[in-house]
N, C-alpha and C. Protein backbone atom coordinates (compact mmCIF):
# COMPACT_ATOMS: atom_id res chain seq x y z
N MET A 1 142.40 16.85 96.56
CA MET A 1 141.60 15.76 97.08
C MET A 1 140.12 16.10 96.89
N GLU A 2 139.35 15.12 96.48
CA GLU A 2 137.91 15.31 96.29
C GLU A 2 137.19 15.36 97.64
N GLU A 3 136.12 16.14 97.66
CA GLU A 3 135.28 16.17 98.85
C GLU A 3 134.31 15.00 98.82
N ILE A 4 133.91 14.57 100.00
CA ILE A 4 132.92 13.49 100.11
C ILE A 4 131.55 14.10 99.80
N PRO A 5 130.79 13.48 98.89
CA PRO A 5 129.45 14.00 98.59
C PRO A 5 128.59 14.06 99.85
N GLU A 6 127.93 15.19 100.05
CA GLU A 6 127.14 15.45 101.26
C GLU A 6 126.08 14.36 101.49
N LYS A 7 125.38 13.95 100.44
CA LYS A 7 124.31 12.95 100.59
C LYS A 7 124.89 11.62 101.07
N LYS A 8 126.04 11.21 100.53
CA LYS A 8 126.66 9.95 100.96
C LYS A 8 127.11 10.04 102.41
N LEU A 9 127.71 11.16 102.78
CA LEU A 9 128.17 11.33 104.16
C LEU A 9 126.99 11.31 105.12
N ASN A 10 125.93 12.01 104.77
CA ASN A 10 124.72 12.00 105.62
C ASN A 10 124.14 10.60 105.76
N ASN A 11 124.07 9.85 104.66
CA ASN A 11 123.55 8.47 104.72
C ASN A 11 124.41 7.59 105.62
N ALA A 12 125.71 7.68 105.47
CA ALA A 12 126.62 6.86 106.29
C ALA A 12 126.47 7.19 107.77
N ILE A 13 126.48 8.47 108.09
CA ILE A 13 126.39 8.87 109.50
C ILE A 13 125.05 8.46 110.09
N SER A 14 123.97 8.68 109.38
CA SER A 14 122.65 8.34 109.93
C SER A 14 122.42 6.83 110.02
N THR A 15 123.09 6.05 109.18
CA THR A 15 122.88 4.61 109.16
C THR A 15 123.77 3.86 110.16
N TYR A 16 125.05 4.19 110.23
CA TYR A 16 125.94 3.39 111.08
C TYR A 16 126.99 4.17 111.85
N ALA A 17 126.95 5.49 111.81
CA ALA A 17 128.00 6.26 112.49
C ALA A 17 127.43 7.50 113.16
N GLU A 18 126.38 7.34 113.92
CA GLU A 18 125.69 8.49 114.51
C GLU A 18 126.56 9.30 115.45
N SER A 19 127.59 8.71 116.02
CA SER A 19 128.45 9.44 116.96
C SER A 19 129.58 10.21 116.27
N VAL A 20 129.69 10.08 114.95
CA VAL A 20 130.76 10.72 114.20
C VAL A 20 130.32 12.10 113.72
N GLU A 21 131.18 13.09 113.91
CA GLU A 21 130.91 14.44 113.40
C GLU A 21 131.35 14.53 111.94
N LYS A 22 130.54 15.17 111.11
CA LYS A 22 130.85 15.29 109.67
C LYS A 22 132.24 15.87 109.43
N THR A 23 132.60 16.86 110.22
CA THR A 23 133.88 17.56 110.00
C THR A 23 135.09 16.72 110.38
N LYS A 24 134.88 15.59 111.05
CA LYS A 24 135.98 14.73 111.48
C LYS A 24 136.26 13.58 110.51
N VAL A 25 135.47 13.47 109.44
CA VAL A 25 135.61 12.36 108.49
C VAL A 25 136.67 12.70 107.45
N TYR A 26 137.67 11.82 107.32
CA TYR A 26 138.73 12.00 106.32
C TYR A 26 138.41 11.28 105.02
N ALA A 27 137.75 10.11 105.13
CA ALA A 27 137.47 9.33 103.93
C ALA A 27 136.24 8.46 104.17
N LEU A 28 135.56 8.13 103.08
CA LEU A 28 134.39 7.27 103.11
C LEU A 28 134.57 6.19 102.04
N VAL A 29 134.34 4.95 102.44
CA VAL A 29 134.34 3.84 101.48
C VAL A 29 132.90 3.35 101.38
N ASP A 30 132.34 3.47 100.20
CA ASP A 30 130.95 3.07 99.94
C ASP A 30 130.96 1.67 99.34
N THR A 31 130.38 0.70 100.07
CA THR A 31 130.36 -0.68 99.58
C THR A 31 128.99 -1.10 99.06
N THR A 32 128.10 -0.12 98.84
CA THR A 32 126.78 -0.45 98.32
C THR A 32 126.81 -0.64 96.81
N LEU A 33 125.84 -1.36 96.32
CA LEU A 33 125.75 -1.64 94.88
C LEU A 33 125.39 -0.39 94.08
N PHE A 34 124.48 0.43 94.62
CA PHE A 34 124.00 1.58 93.87
C PHE A 34 124.53 2.93 94.38
N GLY A 35 125.48 2.92 95.31
CA GLY A 35 126.14 4.16 95.71
C GLY A 35 125.44 5.01 96.75
N SER A 36 124.64 4.40 97.61
CA SER A 36 123.94 5.18 98.64
C SER A 36 124.82 5.47 99.86
N ALA A 37 125.89 4.69 100.05
CA ALA A 37 126.81 4.81 101.19
C ALA A 37 126.16 4.40 102.52
N LYS A 38 125.06 3.66 102.45
CA LYS A 38 124.43 3.18 103.68
C LYS A 38 125.15 1.95 104.24
N GLU A 39 126.13 1.45 103.52
CA GLU A 39 127.03 0.40 103.99
C GLU A 39 128.44 0.84 103.59
N GLY A 40 129.40 0.53 104.42
CA GLY A 40 130.77 0.89 104.09
C GLY A 40 131.57 1.24 105.33
N MET A 41 132.53 2.17 105.16
CA MET A 41 133.42 2.57 106.24
C MET A 41 133.66 4.07 106.22
N LEU A 42 133.83 4.64 107.41
CA LEU A 42 134.24 6.02 107.56
C LEU A 42 135.58 6.04 108.29
N PHE A 43 136.52 6.81 107.80
CA PHE A 43 137.82 6.95 108.44
C PHE A 43 137.91 8.30 109.12
N THR A 44 138.25 8.30 110.41
CA THR A 44 138.43 9.52 111.18
C THR A 44 139.75 9.43 111.93
N LYS A 45 140.14 10.54 112.56
CA LYS A 45 141.37 10.53 113.37
C LYS A 45 141.25 9.53 114.52
N ALA A 46 140.03 9.38 115.04
CA ALA A 46 139.79 8.49 116.18
C ALA A 46 139.77 7.01 115.79
N GLY A 47 139.57 6.71 114.49
CA GLY A 47 139.53 5.32 114.08
C GLY A 47 138.66 5.10 112.86
N ILE A 48 138.28 3.85 112.67
CA ILE A 48 137.45 3.45 111.54
C ILE A 48 136.09 3.02 112.08
N THR A 49 135.05 3.54 111.46
CA THR A 49 133.68 3.16 111.81
C THR A 49 133.09 2.47 110.59
N PHE A 50 132.44 1.30 110.80
CA PHE A 50 131.92 0.57 109.65
C PHE A 50 130.65 -0.17 110.00
N LEU A 51 129.94 -0.55 108.96
CA LEU A 51 128.73 -1.37 109.11
C LEU A 51 129.09 -2.78 108.68
N LYS A 52 128.88 -3.72 109.58
CA LYS A 52 129.18 -5.13 109.30
C LYS A 52 127.87 -5.91 109.28
N HIS A 53 127.63 -6.61 108.18
CA HIS A 53 126.42 -7.45 108.09
C HIS A 53 126.78 -8.88 108.27
């Protein structure tokens, strides 16, 4: 399994998932046009965290 790129994970957490610990993230879905991961979803054992516009 591929690791989540650190920059994308940091962007996602700082933008819409501040309560999520990096080590608890199983998957990241990046829905941005240019791949910044500032929009999308994070999957954790506790649930799914996402940014909805």
